Amino acid sequence: MRVASLVCSLGIAIGALATPATSQARTEFFINVAPPAARVEVAPGVRRGYLWSPGYWRWNGYRHVWVGGVWVHERVGWHWVPAHWVANGPQWHWVPGYWAR
């Protein structure tokens, strides 16, 4: 009886590990505090095969903190939509950067 229980538990554990690596959890949140105006960042010179993604204000649970811009590896046939905040009435919704066709 114990062996069957162990085999069943092992099968469940292996099945849990076999979930596709492509699945991603996305948490959306809204805050009632508008982000400050974006800081002026001078984008570095052109870097072949990369796009410059400008900095943004990130909410750390208490206040906005600035995250500096970064290079994003280019994807041919796609365009980069930088991370940004969207006003929704008195609330603000965070949209992380993403690739779009």
Protein backbone atom coordinates (compact mmCIF):
# COMPACT_ATOMS: atom_id res chain seq x y z
CA MET A 1 0.00 0.00 0.00
CA ARG A 2 2.79 2.45 0.88
CA VAL A 3 4.60 1.70 -2.40
CA ALA A 4 1.47 2.52 -4.43
CA SER A 5 1.03 5.75 -2.49
CA LEU A 6 4.68 6.68 -3.07
CA VAL A 7 4.42 5.91 -6.79
CA CYS A 8 1.25 8.02 -7.06
CA SER A 9 2.89 10.92 -5.21
CA LEU A 10 5.97 10.65 -7.41
CA GLY A 11 3.79 10.71 -10.54
CA ILE A 12 2.02 13.84 -9.34
CA ALA A 13 5.34 15.53 -8.55
CA ILE A 14 6.80 14.66 -11.97
CA GLY A 15 3.62 15.89 -13.67
CA ALA A 16 3.93 19.19 -11.82
CA LEU A 17 7.51 19.58 -13.03
CA ALA A 18 6.47 18.85 -16.61
CA THR A 19 4.43 22.02 -17.03
CA PRO A 20 5.41 23.93 -20.16
CA ALA A 21 8.22 26.42 -19.72
CA THR A 22 6.34 28.90 -21.88
CA SER A 23 3.59 29.55 -19.36
CA GLN A 24 4.04 32.81 -17.50
CA ALA A 25 2.16 34.34 -14.63
CA ARG A 26 1.29 37.99 -15.09
CA THR A 27 0.22 40.06 -12.16
CA GLU A 28 -1.61 43.28 -12.91
CA PHE A 29 -1.99 45.99 -10.35
CA PHE A 30 -3.40 49.48 -10.01
CA ILE A 31 -2.23 52.27 -7.74
CA ASN A 32 -3.69 55.65 -6.82
CA VAL A 33 -0.38 57.51 -7.06
CA ALA A 34 0.58 59.01 -10.41
CA PRO A 35 4.18 58.43 -11.48
CA PRO A 36 6.46 61.49 -11.60
CA ALA A 37 7.39 62.93 -14.98
CA ALA A 38 9.86 60.74 -16.84
CA ARG A 39 13.50 61.67 -16.37
CA VAL A 40 15.40 62.85 -19.40
CA GLU A 41 17.86 60.14 -20.40
CA VAL A 42 20.31 60.58 -23.20
CA ALA A 43 20.28 57.31 -25.11
CA PRO A 44 23.77 55.99 -25.77
CA GLY A 45 24.97 55.80 -29.38
CA VAL A 46 23.56 53.19 -31.73
CA ARG A 47 24.39 49.60 -30.83
CA ARG A 48 24.00 47.12 -33.69
CA GLY A 49 21.39 44.42 -33.03
CA TYR A 50 19.91 46.25 -30.02
CA LEU A 51 17.25 48.85 -29.25
CA TRP A 52 17.37 51.34 -26.40
CA SER A 53 14.47 50.95 -23.97
CA PRO A 54 14.10 54.16 -21.95
CA GLY A 55 13.94 54.24 -18.17
CA TYR A 56 10.68 54.27 -16.22
CA TRP A 57 9.23 54.76 -12.77
CA ARG A 58 8.66 51.45 -10.94
CA TRP A 59 6.33 51.16 -7.94
CA ASN A 60 8.08 49.41 -5.03
CA GLY A 61 4.97 49.11 -2.87
CA TYR A 62 5.54 52.46 -1.13
CA ARG A 63 6.77 54.93 -3.73
CA HIS A 64 8.00 55.29 -7.29
CA VAL A 65 11.68 54.55 -7.91
CA TRP A 66 13.53 55.26 -11.14
CA VAL A 67 14.83 52.37 -13.24
CA GLY A 68 17.37 53.45 -15.84
CA GLY A 69 17.09 52.52 -19.50
CA VAL A 70 18.58 49.33 -20.92
CA TRP A 71 19.57 47.80 -24.22
CA VAL A 72 17.06 45.23 -25.53
CA HIS A 73 18.16 42.64 -28.09
CA GLU A 74 16.46 43.39 -31.40
CA ARG A 75 13.85 41.00 -32.84
CA VAL A 76 13.48 41.28 -36.60
CA GLY A 77 9.87 41.90 -37.65
CA TRP A 78 8.85 43.09 -34.16
CA HIS A 79 8.86 46.46 -32.43
CA TRP A 80 9.53 47.15 -28.77
CA VAL A 81 6.85 48.83 -26.67
CA PRO A 82 8.62 50.29 -23.60
CA ALA A 83 7.29 49.82 -20.07
CA HIS A 84 4.80 52.55 -19.13
CA TRP A 85 1.95 53.62 -16.89
CA VAL A 86 -1.61 54.09 -18.17
CA ALA A 87 -4.13 56.34 -16.41
CA ASN A 88 -7.46 54.68 -15.68
CA GLY A 89 -9.60 57.31 -13.97
CA PRO A 90 -7.93 58.12 -10.64
CA GLN A 91 -5.84 54.94 -10.81
CA TRP A 92 -2.66 54.03 -12.67
CA HIS A 93 -2.07 50.69 -14.37
CA TRP A 94 1.45 49.34 -14.98
CA VAL A 95 2.25 47.86 -18.41
CA PRO A 96 5.64 46.12 -18.61
CA GLY A 97 7.69 46.45 -21.81
CA TYR A 98 6.87 43.91 -24.51
CA TRP A 99 7.44 42.97 -28.15
CA ALA A 100 4.60 43.50 -30.66
CA ARG A 101 4.26 42.77 -34.37
